[in-house]
Amino acid sequence: MARALADDDLDRAIALGLLDPDFDAACVCAACAPACAQRSRHARQARLRALAARERYRARDRRLQRRAEERTAQRAAASVRTAAETSADDTAADAATASTEPPNLPAAETAPRPALPSAAAAALARAKAKAAQRGTP
């Protein structure tokens, strides 16, 4: 195992028992120096941390995918619900309008909607007045 780690052959080191639960017993051999055993332990810990990080990353991806699917389902349900409410409101409004107003109103009788909200119109008027003052010496 020490030679596999020295050669940076993690696959072979794993096959030789780097990640086995009884690693501490398998790691110690008569020919190994304490420094060699320590390097093996460090390599094992690094590999376990990397595997744990990979699992956390995969769990995060699964969680994000699940949340995205839930949001999509909620949006679809909301749009269906909104469409149903809108059609019900339109039907109710049509029934109320039919009983209270004449069917064809001339364009002059309908109230025109302003192009800008009142606050925006006021800001535009102030800007025009300020520009006009600058233009005249």
Protein backbone atom coordinates (compact mmCIF):
# COMPACT_ATOMS: atom_id res chain seq x y z
CA MET A 1 0.00 0.00 0.00
CA ALA A 2 2.87 2.35 0.82
CA ARG A 3 4.39 1.79 -2.62
CA ALA A 4 1.02 2.45 -4.31
CA LEU A 5 0.72 5.72 -2.39
CA ALA A 6 4.31 6.64 -3.22
CA ASP A 7 3.53 6.00 -6.91
CA ASP A 8 0.36 8.11 -6.53
CA ASP A 9 -1.72 5.11 -7.61
CA LEU A 10 -4.83 5.66 -5.48
CA ASP A 11 -6.83 2.98 -7.27
CA ARG A 12 -4.31 0.32 -6.33
CA ALA A 13 -4.02 1.68 -2.77
CA ILE A 14 -7.81 1.51 -2.40
CA ALA A 15 -7.79 -2.04 -3.76
CA LEU A 16 -5.12 -2.91 -1.18
CA GLY A 17 -7.33 -1.62 1.66
CA LEU A 18 -6.79 2.12 1.99
CA LEU A 19 -10.48 2.71 2.69
CA ASP A 20 -11.23 -0.51 4.55
CA PRO A 21 -12.75 -0.20 8.04
CA ASP A 22 -9.87 -2.21 9.56
CA PHE A 23 -7.27 0.05 7.97
CA ASP A 24 -5.28 0.61 11.18
CA ALA A 25 -4.63 -3.11 11.61
CA ALA A 26 -3.84 -3.60 7.92
CA CYS A 27 -1.64 -0.52 7.74
CA VAL A 28 0.88 -1.64 10.31
CA CYS A 29 3.42 -4.08 8.99
CA ALA A 30 6.82 -5.14 10.30
CA ALA A 31 8.64 -3.41 7.46
CA CYS A 32 6.88 -0.04 7.85
CA ALA A 33 8.49 2.80 9.66
CA PRO A 34 6.27 5.05 11.80
CA ALA A 35 6.59 7.82 9.21
CA CYS A 36 5.37 5.44 6.50
CA ALA A 37 2.35 4.46 8.57
CA GLN A 38 1.63 8.13 9.26
CA ARG A 39 1.74 8.98 5.53
CA SER A 40 -0.70 6.14 4.89
CA ARG A 41 -3.05 7.46 7.59
CA HIS A 42 -2.85 10.97 6.15
CA ALA A 43 -3.57 9.66 2.66
CA ARG A 44 -6.57 7.73 4.00
CA GLN A 45 -7.91 10.78 5.83
CA ALA A 46 -7.48 12.94 2.74
CA ARG A 47 -9.29 10.38 0.58
CA LEU A 48 -12.14 10.08 3.11
CA ARG A 49 -12.49 13.88 3.23
CA ALA A 50 -12.57 14.02 -0.57
CA LEU A 51 -15.23 11.31 -0.73
CA ALA A 52 -17.30 13.09 1.93
CA ALA A 53 -17.00 16.37 0.02
CA ARG A 54 -18.11 14.65 -3.19
CA GLU A 55 -21.13 13.20 -1.39
CA ARG A 56 -22.03 16.62 0.04
CA TYR A 57 -21.77 18.13 -3.43
CA ARG A 58 -24.02 15.45 -4.89
CA ALA A 59 -26.53 15.89 -2.05
CA ARG A 60 -26.52 19.65 -2.68
CA ASP A 61 -27.17 19.09 -6.40
CA ARG A 62 -30.06 16.73 -5.59
CA ARG A 63 -31.49 19.29 -3.14
CA LEU A 64 -31.21 22.14 -5.66
CA GLN A 65 -32.81 20.00 -8.36
CA ARG A 66 -35.68 19.07 -6.03
CA ARG A 67 -36.23 22.73 -5.10
CA ALA A 68 -36.21 23.77 -8.76
CA GLU A 69 -38.81 21.10 -9.55
CA GLU A 70 -40.94 22.24 -6.60
CA ARG A 71 -40.76 25.87 -7.77
CA THR A 72 -41.71 24.84 -11.29
CA ALA A 73 -44.67 22.86 -9.98
CA GLN A 74 -45.78 25.78 -7.79
CA ARG A 75 -45.52 28.20 -10.71
CA ALA A 76 -47.50 25.87 -12.94
CA ALA A 77 -50.17 25.44 -10.27
CA ALA A 78 -50.29 29.21 -9.68
CA SER A 79 -50.63 29.98 -13.38
CA VAL A 80 -53.43 27.43 -13.74
CA ARG A 81 -55.14 28.83 -10.65
CA THR A 82 -54.70 32.43 -11.87
CA ALA A 83 -56.08 31.55 -15.29
CA ALA A 84 -59.11 29.88 -13.70
CA GLU A 85 -59.69 32.86 -11.39
CA THR A 86 -59.29 35.31 -14.27
CA SER A 87 -61.79 33.48 -16.44
CA ALA A 88 -64.22 33.28 -13.50
CA ASP A 89 -63.74 37.00 -12.80
CA ASP A 90 -64.21 37.83 -16.49
CA THR A 91 -67.40 35.80 -16.59
CA ALA A 92 -68.71 37.52 -13.45
CA ALA A 93 -67.67 40.94 -14.76
CA ASP A 94 -69.33 40.25 -18.10
CA ALA A 95 -72.55 39.29 -16.33
CA ALA A 96 -72.45 42.41 -14.14
CA THR A 97 -71.62 44.68 -17.06
CA ALA A 98 -74.35 43.26 -19.22
CA SER A 99 -76.98 44.10 -16.64
CA THR A 100 -75.82 47.64 -15.76
CA GLU A 101 -74.28 49.25 -18.86
CA PRO A 102 -75.29 49.55 -22.46
CA PRO A 103 -73.40 47.04 -24.61
CA ASN A 104 -71.52 49.40 -26.96
CA LEU A 105 -70.13 52.54 -25.37
CA PRO A 106 -68.64 55.16 -27.67
CA ALA A 107 -64.93 55.78 -27.26
CA ALA A 108 -65.55 59.34 -26.02
CA GLU A 109 -67.49 58.10 -22.99
CA THR A 110 -64.76 55.76 -21.73
CA ALA A 111 -62.26 57.40 -19.41
CA PRO A 112 -58.79 57.55 -20.98
CA ARG A 113 -56.01 56.04 -18.95
CA PRO A 114 -53.01 58.30 -18.38
CA ALA A 115 -49.84 57.20 -20.13
CA LEU A 116 -47.76 57.78 -16.98
CA PRO A 117 -48.54 57.39 -13.30
CA SER A 118 -49.10 60.73 -11.57
CA ALA A 119 -45.76 60.67 -9.73
CA ALA A 120 -43.85 60.00 -12.95
CA ALA A 121 -45.80 62.72 -14.78
CA ALA A 122 -44.97 65.22 -12.02
CA ALA A 123 -41.25 64.28 -12.18
CA LEU A 124 -41.29 64.68 -15.95
CA ALA A 125 -42.93 68.09 -15.66
CA ARG A 126 -40.28 69.24 -13.17
CA ALA A 127 -37.50 68.00 -15.44
CA LYS A 128 -38.99 69.81 -18.43
CA ALA A 129 -39.29 73.03 -16.44
CA LYS A 130 -35.70 72.76 -15.25
CA ALA A 131 -34.49 72.12 -18.81
CA ALA A 132 -36.46 75.11 -20.05
CA GLN A 133 -34.81 77.34 -17.43
CA ARG A 134 -31.36 76.21 -18.53
CA GLY A 135 -32.13 76.86 -22.18
CA THR A 136 -33.01 80.54 -21.66
CA PRO A 137 -30.17 82.85 -20.50
